[in-house]
Amino acid sequence: MVTLDEALTDAVKRDWRSAELTPRERAMLAYAEKLTREPSSIWKDDLHALRAWGFDDRGILQVNLIASWFNYINRVADGLGVGRGE
């Protein structure tokens, strides 16, 4: 999802569930959240749900890689105390 709409960006940052998103965007963000919070619970059904909203294997891979990269880099930063003001 790419947007220049600052209000939408702020709404997604606050809580993507209450932002004005398409069902397809909601499915993508639900998958990304599950991958972030409960990665071992991702199952074939999660991938089938994304396919039902029009994501092909490449699109699913892209969502997965982007979410995983952000999770990784945030953990690196947290582990080094980056951004904690010290």
PDB file of N, CA and C in Angstrom:
ATOM      1  N   MET A   1       0.840  -1.165   0.000  1.00  0.00           N
ATOM      2  CA  MET A   1       0.000   0.000   0.000  1.00  0.00           C
ATOM      3  C   MET A   1       0.891   1.236   0.000  1.00  0.00           C
ATOM      4  N   VAL A   2       0.722   2.066  -0.996  1.00  0.00           N
ATOM      5  CA  VAL A   2       1.481   3.303  -1.108  1.00  0.00           C
ATOM      6  C   VAL A   2       0.484   4.454  -1.165  1.00  0.00           C
ATOM      7  N   THR A   3       0.722   5.473  -0.334  1.00  0.00           N
ATOM      8  CA  THR A   3      -0.181   6.615  -0.329  1.00  0.00           C
ATOM      9  C   THR A   3       0.569   7.880   0.073  1.00  0.00           C
ATOM     10  N   LEU A   4       0.101   8.984  -0.441  1.00  0.00           N
ATOM     11  CA  LEU A   4       0.604  10.292  -0.019  1.00  0.00           C
ATOM     12  C   LEU A   4      -0.395  10.980   0.904  1.00  0.00           C
ATOM     13  N   ASP A   5      -1.459  10.277   1.243  1.00  0.00           N
ATOM     14  CA  ASP A   5      -2.514  10.791   2.118  1.00  0.00           C
ATOM     15  C   ASP A   5      -2.033  10.719   3.571  1.00  0.00           C
ATOM     16  N   GLU A   6      -1.632  11.866   4.112  1.00  0.00           N
ATOM     17  CA  GLU A   6      -1.091  11.902   5.473  1.00  0.00           C
ATOM     18  C   GLU A   6      -2.108  11.483   6.524  1.00  0.00           C
ATOM     19  N   ALA A   7      -3.369  11.831   6.317  1.00  0.00           N
ATOM     20  CA  ALA A   7      -4.406  11.453   7.281  1.00  0.00           C
ATOM     21  C   ALA A   7      -4.551   9.928   7.336  1.00  0.00           C
ATOM     22  N   LEU A   8      -4.522   9.294   6.171  1.00  0.00           N
ATOM     23  CA  LEU A   8      -4.609   7.834   6.131  1.00  0.00           C
ATOM     24  C   LEU A   8      -3.372   7.214   6.769  1.00  0.00           C
ATOM     25  N   THR A   9      -2.210   7.755   6.463  1.00  0.00           N
ATOM     26  CA  THR A   9      -0.970   7.251   7.049  1.00  0.00           C
ATOM     27  C   THR A   9      -1.023   7.342   8.569  1.00  0.00           C
ATOM     28  N   ASP A  10      -1.472   8.462   9.097  1.00  0.00           N
ATOM     29  CA  ASP A  10      -1.588   8.634  10.548  1.00  0.00           C
ATOM     30  C   ASP A  10      -2.596   7.651  11.138  1.00  0.00           C
ATOM     31  N   ALA A  11      -3.714   7.446  10.447  1.00  0.00           N
ATOM     32  CA  ALA A  11      -4.741   6.519  10.934  1.00  0.00           C
ATOM     33  C   ALA A  11      -4.201   5.089  10.981  1.00  0.00           C
ATOM     34  N   VAL A  12      -3.445   4.697   9.970  1.00  0.00           N
ATOM     35  CA  VAL A  12      -2.865   3.348   9.943  1.00  0.00           C
ATOM     36  C   VAL A  12      -1.840   3.202  11.062  1.00  0.00           C
ATOM     37  N   LYS A  13      -1.050   4.229  11.300  1.00  0.00           N
ATOM     38  CA  LYS A  13      -0.066   4.181  12.379  1.00  0.00           C
ATOM     39  C   LYS A  13      -0.731   4.029  13.742  1.00  0.00           C
ATOM     40  N   ARG A  14      -1.855   4.735  13.942  1.00  0.00           N
ATOM     41  CA  ARG A  14      -2.573   4.653  15.222  1.00  0.00           C
ATOM     42  C   ARG A  14      -3.189   3.279  15.414  1.00  0.00           C
ATOM     43  N   ASP A  15      -3.951   2.834  14.436  1.00  0.00           N
ATOM     44  CA  ASP A  15      -4.622   1.521  14.508  1.00  0.00           C
ATOM     45  C   ASP A  15      -5.187   1.203  13.134  1.00  0.00           C
ATOM     46  N   TRP A  16      -4.529   0.316  12.423  1.00  0.00           N
ATOM     47  CA  TRP A  16      -4.952   0.022  11.053  1.00  0.00           C
ATOM     48  C   TRP A  16      -6.381  -0.522  10.983  1.00  0.00           C
ATOM     49  N   ARG A  17      -6.866  -1.104  12.082  1.00  0.00           N
ATOM     50  CA  ARG A  17      -8.228  -1.673  12.068  1.00  0.00           C
ATOM     51  C   ARG A  17      -9.314  -0.596  11.953  1.00  0.00           C
ATOM     52  N   SER A  18      -9.002   0.616  12.413  1.00  0.00           N
ATOM     53  CA  SER A  18     -10.002   1.679  12.349  1.00  0.00           C
ATOM     54  C   SER A  18      -9.770   2.626  11.166  1.00  0.00           C
ATOM     55  N   ALA A  19      -8.730   2.390  10.400  1.00  0.00           N
ATOM     56  CA  ALA A  19      -8.434   3.235   9.235  1.00  0.00           C
ATOM     57  C   ALA A  19      -9.343   2.848   8.064  1.00  0.00           C
ATOM     58  N   GLU A  20      -9.559   3.789   7.170  1.00  0.00           N
ATOM     59  CA  GLU A  20     -10.373   3.527   5.985  1.00  0.00           C
ATOM     60  C   GLU A  20      -9.532   2.789   4.950  1.00  0.00           C
ATOM     61  N   LEU A  21      -9.629   1.466   4.992  1.00  0.00           N
ATOM     62  CA  LEU A  21      -8.860   0.603   4.110  1.00  0.00           C
ATOM     63  C   LEU A  21      -9.791  -0.326   3.348  1.00  0.00           C
ATOM     64  N   THR A  22      -9.299  -0.836   2.242  1.00  0.00           N
ATOM     65  CA  THR A  22     -10.061  -1.824   1.486  1.00  0.00           C
ATOM     66  C   THR A  22      -9.959  -3.169   2.202  1.00  0.00           C
ATOM     67  N   PRO A  23     -10.884  -4.076   1.932  1.00  0.00           N
ATOM     68  CA  PRO A  23     -10.766  -5.419   2.516  1.00  0.00           C
ATOM     69  C   PRO A  23      -9.443  -6.101   2.146  1.00  0.00           C
ATOM     70  N   ARG A  24      -8.947  -5.855   0.945  1.00  0.00           N
ATOM     71  CA  ARG A  24      -7.681  -6.435   0.503  1.00  0.00           C
ATOM     72  C   ARG A  24      -6.521  -5.894   1.350  1.00  0.00           C
ATOM     73  N   GLU A  25      -6.527  -4.586   1.606  1.00  0.00           N
ATOM     74  CA  GLU A  25      -5.488  -3.988   2.445  1.00  0.00           C
ATOM     75  C   GLU A  25      -5.569  -4.516   3.877  1.00  0.00           C
ATOM     76  N   ARG A  26      -6.782  -4.696   4.379  1.00  0.00           N
ATOM     77  CA  ARG A  26      -6.969  -5.248   5.727  1.00  0.00           C
ATOM     78  C   ARG A  26      -6.411  -6.664   5.826  1.00  0.00           C
ATOM     79  N   ALA A  27      -6.653  -7.472   4.785  1.00  0.00           N
ATOM     80  CA  ALA A  27      -6.133  -8.845   4.771  1.00  0.00           C
ATOM     81  C   ALA A  27      -4.609  -8.833   4.801  1.00  0.00           C
ATOM     82  N   MET A  28      -4.005  -7.940   4.031  1.00  0.00           N
ATOM     83  CA  MET A  28      -2.554  -7.827   3.991  1.00  0.00           C
ATOM     84  C   MET A  28      -1.999  -7.437   5.364  1.00  0.00           C
ATOM     85  N   LEU A  29      -2.615  -6.455   5.997  1.00  0.00           N
ATOM     86  CA  LEU A  29      -2.127  -5.990   7.300  1.00  0.00           C
ATOM     87  C   LEU A  29      -2.388  -7.016   8.402  1.00  0.00           C
ATOM     88  N   ALA A  30      -3.485  -7.743   8.309  1.00  0.00           N
ATOM     89  CA  ALA A  30      -3.746  -8.803   9.287  1.00  0.00           C
ATOM     90  C   ALA A  30      -2.673  -9.889   9.187  1.00  0.00           C
ATOM     91  N   TYR A  31      -2.297 -10.239   7.961  1.00  0.00           N
ATOM     92  CA  TYR A  31      -1.225 -11.215   7.759  1.00  0.00           C
ATOM     93  C   TYR A  31       0.097 -10.684   8.319  1.00  0.00           C
ATOM     94  N   ALA A  32       0.432  -9.438   8.015  1.00  0.00           N
ATOM     95  CA  ALA A  32       1.683  -8.850   8.501  1.00  0.00           C
ATOM     96  C   ALA A  32       1.706  -8.801  10.029  1.00  0.00           C
ATOM     97  N   GLU A  33       0.577  -8.478  10.632  1.00  0.00           N
ATOM     98  CA  GLU A  33       0.517  -8.441  12.093  1.00  0.00           C
ATOM     99  C   GLU A  33       0.693  -9.840  12.681  1.00  0.00           C
ATOM    100  N   LYS A  34       0.027 -10.822  12.084  1.00  0.00           N
ATOM    101  CA  LYS A  34       0.156 -12.190  12.578  1.00  0.00           C
ATOM    102  C   LYS A  34       1.596 -12.682  12.416  1.00  0.00           C
ATOM    103  N   LEU A  35       2.221 -12.354  11.297  1.00  0.00           N
ATOM    104  CA  LEU A  35       3.618 -12.724  11.068  1.00  0.00           C
ATOM    105  C   LEU A  35       4.525 -12.074  12.111  1.00  0.00           C
ATOM    106  N   THR A  36       4.184 -10.872  12.525  1.00  0.00           N
ATOM    107  CA  THR A  36       4.973 -10.148  13.517  1.00  0.00           C
ATOM    108  C   THR A  36       4.756 -10.688  14.928  1.00  0.00           C
ATOM    109  N   ARG A  37       3.511 -10.904  15.289  1.00  0.00           N
ATOM    110  CA  ARG A  37       3.182 -11.272  16.670  1.00  0.00           C
ATOM    111  C   ARG A  37       3.216 -12.768  16.940  1.00  0.00           C
ATOM    112  N   GLU A  38       2.814 -13.566  15.959  1.00  0.00           N
ATOM    113  CA  GLU A  38       2.715 -15.019  16.138  1.00  0.00           C
ATOM    114  C   GLU A  38       3.234 -15.752  14.905  1.00  0.00           C
ATOM    115  N   PRO A  39       4.509 -15.583  14.565  1.00  0.00           N
ATOM    116  CA  PRO A  39       5.006 -16.142  13.303  1.00  0.00           C
ATOM    117  C   PRO A  39       4.837 -17.649  13.175  1.00  0.00           C
ATOM    118  N   SER A  40       4.930 -18.368  14.267  1.00  0.00           N
ATOM    119  CA  SER A  40       4.803 -19.825  14.172  1.00  0.00           C
ATOM    120  C   SER A  40       3.361 -20.278  13.942  1.00  0.00           C
ATOM    121  N   SER A  41       2.410 -19.346  14.033  1.00  0.00           N
ATOM    122  CA  SER A  41       1.012 -19.720  13.814  1.00  0.00           C
ATOM    123  C   SER A  41       0.556 -19.496  12.366  1.00  0.00           C
ATOM    124  N   ILE A  42       1.446 -18.973  11.512  1.00  0.00           N
ATOM    125  CA  ILE A  42       1.105 -18.816  10.094  1.00  0.00           C
ATOM    126  C   ILE A  42       0.915 -20.201   9.495  1.00  0.00           C
ATOM    127  N   TRP A  43      -0.168 -20.364   8.772  1.00  0.00           N
ATOM    128  CA  TRP A  43      -0.501 -21.655   8.199  1.00  0.00           C
ATOM    129  C   TRP A  43      -0.988 -21.456   6.764  1.00  0.00           C
ATOM    130  N   LYS A  44      -1.200 -22.541   6.075  1.00  0.00           N
ATOM    131  CA  LYS A  44      -1.661 -22.479   4.685  1.00  0.00           C
ATOM    132  C   LYS A  44      -2.935 -21.652   4.541  1.00  0.00           C
ATOM    133  N   ASP A  45      -3.802 -21.717   5.536  1.00  0.00           N
ATOM    134  CA  ASP A  45      -5.054 -20.954   5.486  1.00  0.00           C
ATOM    135  C   ASP A  45      -4.793 -19.453   5.373  1.00  0.00           C
ATOM    136  N   ASP A  46      -3.735 -18.978   6.015  1.00  0.00           N
ATOM    137  CA  ASP A  46      -3.394 -17.557   5.941  1.00  0.00           C
ATOM    138  C   ASP A  46      -3.006 -17.175   4.518  1.00  0.00           C
ATOM    139  N   LEU A  47      -2.284 -18.050   3.856  1.00  0.00           N
ATOM    140  CA  LEU A  47      -1.887 -17.798   2.468  1.00  0.00           C
ATOM    141  C   LEU A  47      -3.086 -17.896   1.532  1.00  0.00           C
ATOM    142  N   HIS A  48      -3.958 -18.852   1.790  1.00  0.00           N
ATOM    143  CA  HIS A  48      -5.177 -18.980   0.976  1.00  0.00           C
ATOM    144  C   HIS A  48      -6.054 -17.738   1.118  1.00  0.00           C
ATOM    145  N   ALA A  49      -6.100 -17.181   2.329  1.00  0.00           N
ATOM    146  CA  ALA A  49      -6.892 -15.965   2.549  1.00  0.00           C
ATOM    147  C   ALA A  49      -6.338 -14.815   1.717  1.00  0.00           C
ATOM    148  N   LEU A  50      -5.024 -14.683   1.659  1.00  0.00           N
ATOM    149  CA  LEU A  50      -4.430 -13.631   0.837  1.00  0.00           C
ATOM    150  C   LEU A  50      -4.715 -13.867  -0.641  1.00  0.00           C
ATOM    151  N   ARG A  51      -4.611 -15.114  -1.075  1.00  0.00           N
ATOM    152  CA  ARG A  51      -4.912 -15.423  -2.482  1.00  0.00           C
ATOM    153  C   ARG A  51      -6.358 -15.079  -2.825  1.00  0.00           C
ATOM    154  N   ALA A  52      -7.252 -15.285  -1.866  1.00  0.00           N
ATOM    155  CA  ALA A  52      -8.672 -14.980  -2.100  1.00  0.00           C
ATOM    156  C   ALA A  52      -8.873 -13.485  -2.346  1.00  0.00           C
ATOM    157  N   TRP A  53      -7.966 -12.648  -1.846  1.00  0.00           N
ATOM    158  CA  TRP A  53      -8.038 -11.208  -2.058  1.00  0.00           C
ATOM    159  C   TRP A  53      -7.167 -10.743  -3.217  1.00  0.00           C
ATOM    160  N   GLY A  54      -6.675 -11.688  -4.010  1.00  0.00           N
ATOM    161  CA  GLY A  54      -5.970 -11.328  -5.233  1.00  0.00           C
ATOM    162  C   GLY A  54      -4.455 -11.289  -5.152  1.00  0.00           C
ATOM    163  N   PHE A  55      -3.894 -11.707  -4.031  1.00  0.00           N
ATOM    164  CA  PHE A  55      -2.437 -11.762  -3.923  1.00  0.00           C
ATOM    165  C   PHE A  55      -1.943 -13.043  -4.582  1.00  0.00           C
ATOM    166  N   ASP A  56      -0.971 -12.919  -5.462  1.00  0.00           N
ATOM    167  CA  ASP A  56      -0.350 -14.108  -6.035  1.00  0.00           C
ATOM    168  C   ASP A  56       0.873 -14.460  -5.179  1.00  0.00           C
ATOM    169  N   ASP A  57       1.580 -15.514  -5.554  1.00  0.00           N
ATOM    170  CA  ASP A  57       2.724 -15.943  -4.755  1.00  0.00           C
ATOM    171  C   ASP A  57       3.774 -14.842  -4.618  1.00  0.00           C
ATOM    172  N   ARG A  58       4.002 -14.099  -5.680  1.00  0.00           N
ATOM    173  CA  ARG A  58       4.986 -13.015  -5.630  1.00  0.00           C
ATOM    174  C   ARG A  58       4.529 -11.922  -4.656  1.00  0.00           C
ATOM    175  N   GLY A  59       3.256 -11.563  -4.700  1.00  0.00           N
ATOM    176  CA  GLY A  59       2.722 -10.547  -3.789  1.00  0.00           C
ATOM    177  C   GLY A  59       2.803 -10.983  -2.340  1.00  0.00           C
ATOM    178  N   ILE A  60       2.496 -12.249  -2.091  1.00  0.00           N
ATOM    179  CA  ILE A  60       2.585 -12.780  -0.728  1.00  0.00           C
ATOM    180  C   ILE A  60       4.033 -12.747  -0.259  1.00  0.00           C
ATOM    181  N   LEU A  61       4.947 -13.131  -1.138  1.00  0.00           N
ATOM    182  CA  LEU A  61       6.364 -13.093  -0.789  1.00  0.00           C
ATOM    183  C   LEU A  61       6.806 -11.670  -0.465  1.00  0.00           C
ATOM    184  N   GLN A  62       6.351 -10.703  -1.252  1.00  0.00           N
ATOM    185  CA  GLN A  62       6.727  -9.311  -1.006  1.00  0.00           C
ATOM    186  C   GLN A  62       6.219  -8.821   0.350  1.00  0.00           C
ATOM    187  N   VAL A  63       4.961  -9.116   0.672  1.00  0.00           N
ATOM    188  CA  VAL A  63       4.408  -8.721   1.974  1.00  0.00           C
ATOM    189  C   VAL A  63       5.216  -9.383   3.086  1.00  0.00           C
ATOM    190  N   ASN A  64       5.497 -10.668   2.919  1.00  0.00           N
ATOM    191  CA  ASN A  64       6.250 -11.408   3.923  1.00  0.00           C
ATOM    192  C   ASN A  64       7.649 -10.827   4.106  1.00  0.00           C
ATOM    193  N   LEU A  65       8.347 -10.572   3.026  1.00  0.00           N
ATOM    194  CA  LEU A  65       9.713 -10.065   3.115  1.00  0.00           C
ATOM    195  C   LEU A  65       9.769  -8.673   3.741  1.00  0.00           C
ATOM    196  N   ILE A  66       8.850  -7.820   3.361  1.00  0.00           N
ATOM    197  CA  ILE A  66       8.845  -6.458   3.909  1.00  0.00           C
ATOM    198  C   ILE A  66       8.537  -6.479   5.407  1.00  0.00           C
ATOM    199  N   ALA A  67       7.510  -7.228   5.800  1.00  0.00           N
ATOM    200  CA  ALA A  67       7.172  -7.317   7.226  1.00  0.00           C
ATOM    201  C   ALA A  67       8.319  -7.949   8.007  1.00  0.00           C
ATOM    202  N   SER A  68       8.895  -9.001   7.469  1.00  0.00           N
ATOM    203  CA  SER A  68       9.998  -9.688   8.152  1.00  0.00           C
ATOM    204  C   SER A  68      11.218  -8.790   8.277  1.00  0.00           C
ATOM    205  N   TRP A  69      11.526  -8.033   7.227  1.00  0.00           N
ATOM    206  CA  TRP A  69      12.680  -7.140   7.276  1.00  0.00           C
ATOM    207  C   TRP A  69      12.486  -6.067   8.346  1.00  0.00           C
ATOM    208  N   PHE A  70      11.299  -5.470   8.399  1.00  0.00           N
ATOM    209  CA  PHE A  70      11.036  -4.461   9.426  1.00  0.00           C
ATOM    210  C   PHE A  70      11.123  -5.070  10.817  1.00  0.00           C
ATOM    211  N   ASN A  71      10.596  -6.271  10.989  1.00  0.00           N
ATOM    212  CA  ASN A  71      10.703  -6.936  12.291  1.00  0.00           C
ATOM    213  C   ASN A  71      12.161  -7.156  12.664  1.00  0.00           C
ATOM    214  N   TYR A  72      12.940  -7.616  11.710  1.00  0.00           N
ATOM    215  CA  TYR A  72      14.368  -7.872  11.950  1.00  0.00           C
ATOM    216  C   TYR A  72      15.105  -6.585  12.326  1.00  0.00           C
ATOM    217  N   ILE A  73      14.939  -5.565  11.518  1.00  0.00           N
ATOM    218  CA  ILE A  73      15.710  -4.339  11.736  1.00  0.00           C
ATOM    219  C   ILE A  73      15.290  -3.651  13.044  1.00  0.00           C
ATOM    220  N   ASN A  74      14.023  -3.747  13.399  1.00  0.00           N
ATOM    221  CA  ASN A  74      13.582  -3.197  14.683  1.00  0.00           C
ATOM    222  C   ASN A  74      14.210  -3.942  15.853  1.00  0.00           C
ATOM    223  N   ARG A  75      14.353  -5.253  15.737  1.00  0.00           N
ATOM    224  CA  ARG A  75      14.973  -6.029  16.808  1.00  0.00           C
ATOM    225  C   ARG A  75      16.465  -5.720  16.910  1.00  0.00           C
ATOM    226  N   VAL A  76      17.115  -5.513  15.788  1.00  0.00           N
ATOM    227  CA  VAL A  76      18.523  -5.112  15.807  1.00  0.00           C
ATOM    228  C   VAL A  76      18.655  -3.774  16.535  1.00  0.00           C
ATOM    229  N   ALA A  77      17.818  -2.818  16.162  1.00  0.00           N
ATOM    230  CA  ALA A  77      17.870  -1.494  16.798  1.00  0.00           C
ATOM    231  C   ALA A  77      17.561  -1.594  18.287  1.00  0.00           C
ATOM    232  N   ASP A  78      16.520  -2.361  18.634  1.00  0.00           N
ATOM    233  CA  ASP A  78      16.184  -2.525  20.054  1.00  0.00           C
ATOM    234  C   ASP A  78      17.329  -3.167  20.820  1.00  0.00           C
ATOM    235  N   GLY A  79      17.945  -4.169  20.211  1.00  0.00           N
ATOM    236  CA  GLY A  79      19.037  -4.880  20.870  1.00  0.00           C
ATOM    237  C   GLY A  79      20.270  -4.031  21.087  1.00  0.00           C
ATOM    238  N   LEU A  80      20.407  -2.979  20.286  1.00  0.00           N
ATOM    239  CA  LEU A  80      21.540  -2.067  20.438  1.00  0.00           C
ATOM    240  C   LEU A  80      21.170  -0.786  21.179  1.00  0.00           C
ATOM    241  N   GLY A  81      19.906  -0.704  21.583  1.00  0.00           N
ATOM    242  CA  GLY A  81      19.461   0.480  22.316  1.00  0.00           C
ATOM    243  C   GLY A  81      19.333   1.715  21.443  1.00  0.00           C
ATOM    244  N   VAL A  82      19.225   1.541  20.154  1.00  0.00           N
ATOM    245  CA  VAL A  82      19.121   2.674  19.234  1.00  0.00           C
ATOM    246  C   VAL A  82      17.790   3.392  19.446  1.00  0.00           C
ATOM    247  N   GLY A  83      17.855   4.720  19.543  1.00  0.00           N
ATOM    248  CA  GLY A  83      16.642   5.518  19.666  1.00  0.00           C
ATOM    249  C   GLY A  83      16.086   5.607  21.072  1.00  0.00           C
ATOM    250  N   ARG A  84      16.863   5.209  22.052  1.00  0.00           N
ATOM    251  CA  ARG A  84      16.371   5.253  23.433  1.00  0.00           C
ATOM    252  C   ARG A  84      16.917   6.450  24.195  1.00  0.00           C
ATOM    253  N   GLY A  85      17.570   7.350  23.495  1.00  0.00           N
ATOM    254  CA  GLY A  85      18.027   8.579  24.117  1.00  0.00           C
ATOM    255  C   GLY A  85      19.233   8.450  25.019  1.00  0.00           C
ATOM    256  N   GLU A  86      19.945   7.372  24.936  1.00  0.00           N
ATOM    257  CA  GLU A  86      21.132   7.219  25.794  1.00  0.00           C
ATOM    258  C   GLU A  86      22.382   7.203  24.967  1.00  0.00           C
TER     259      GLU A  86
END
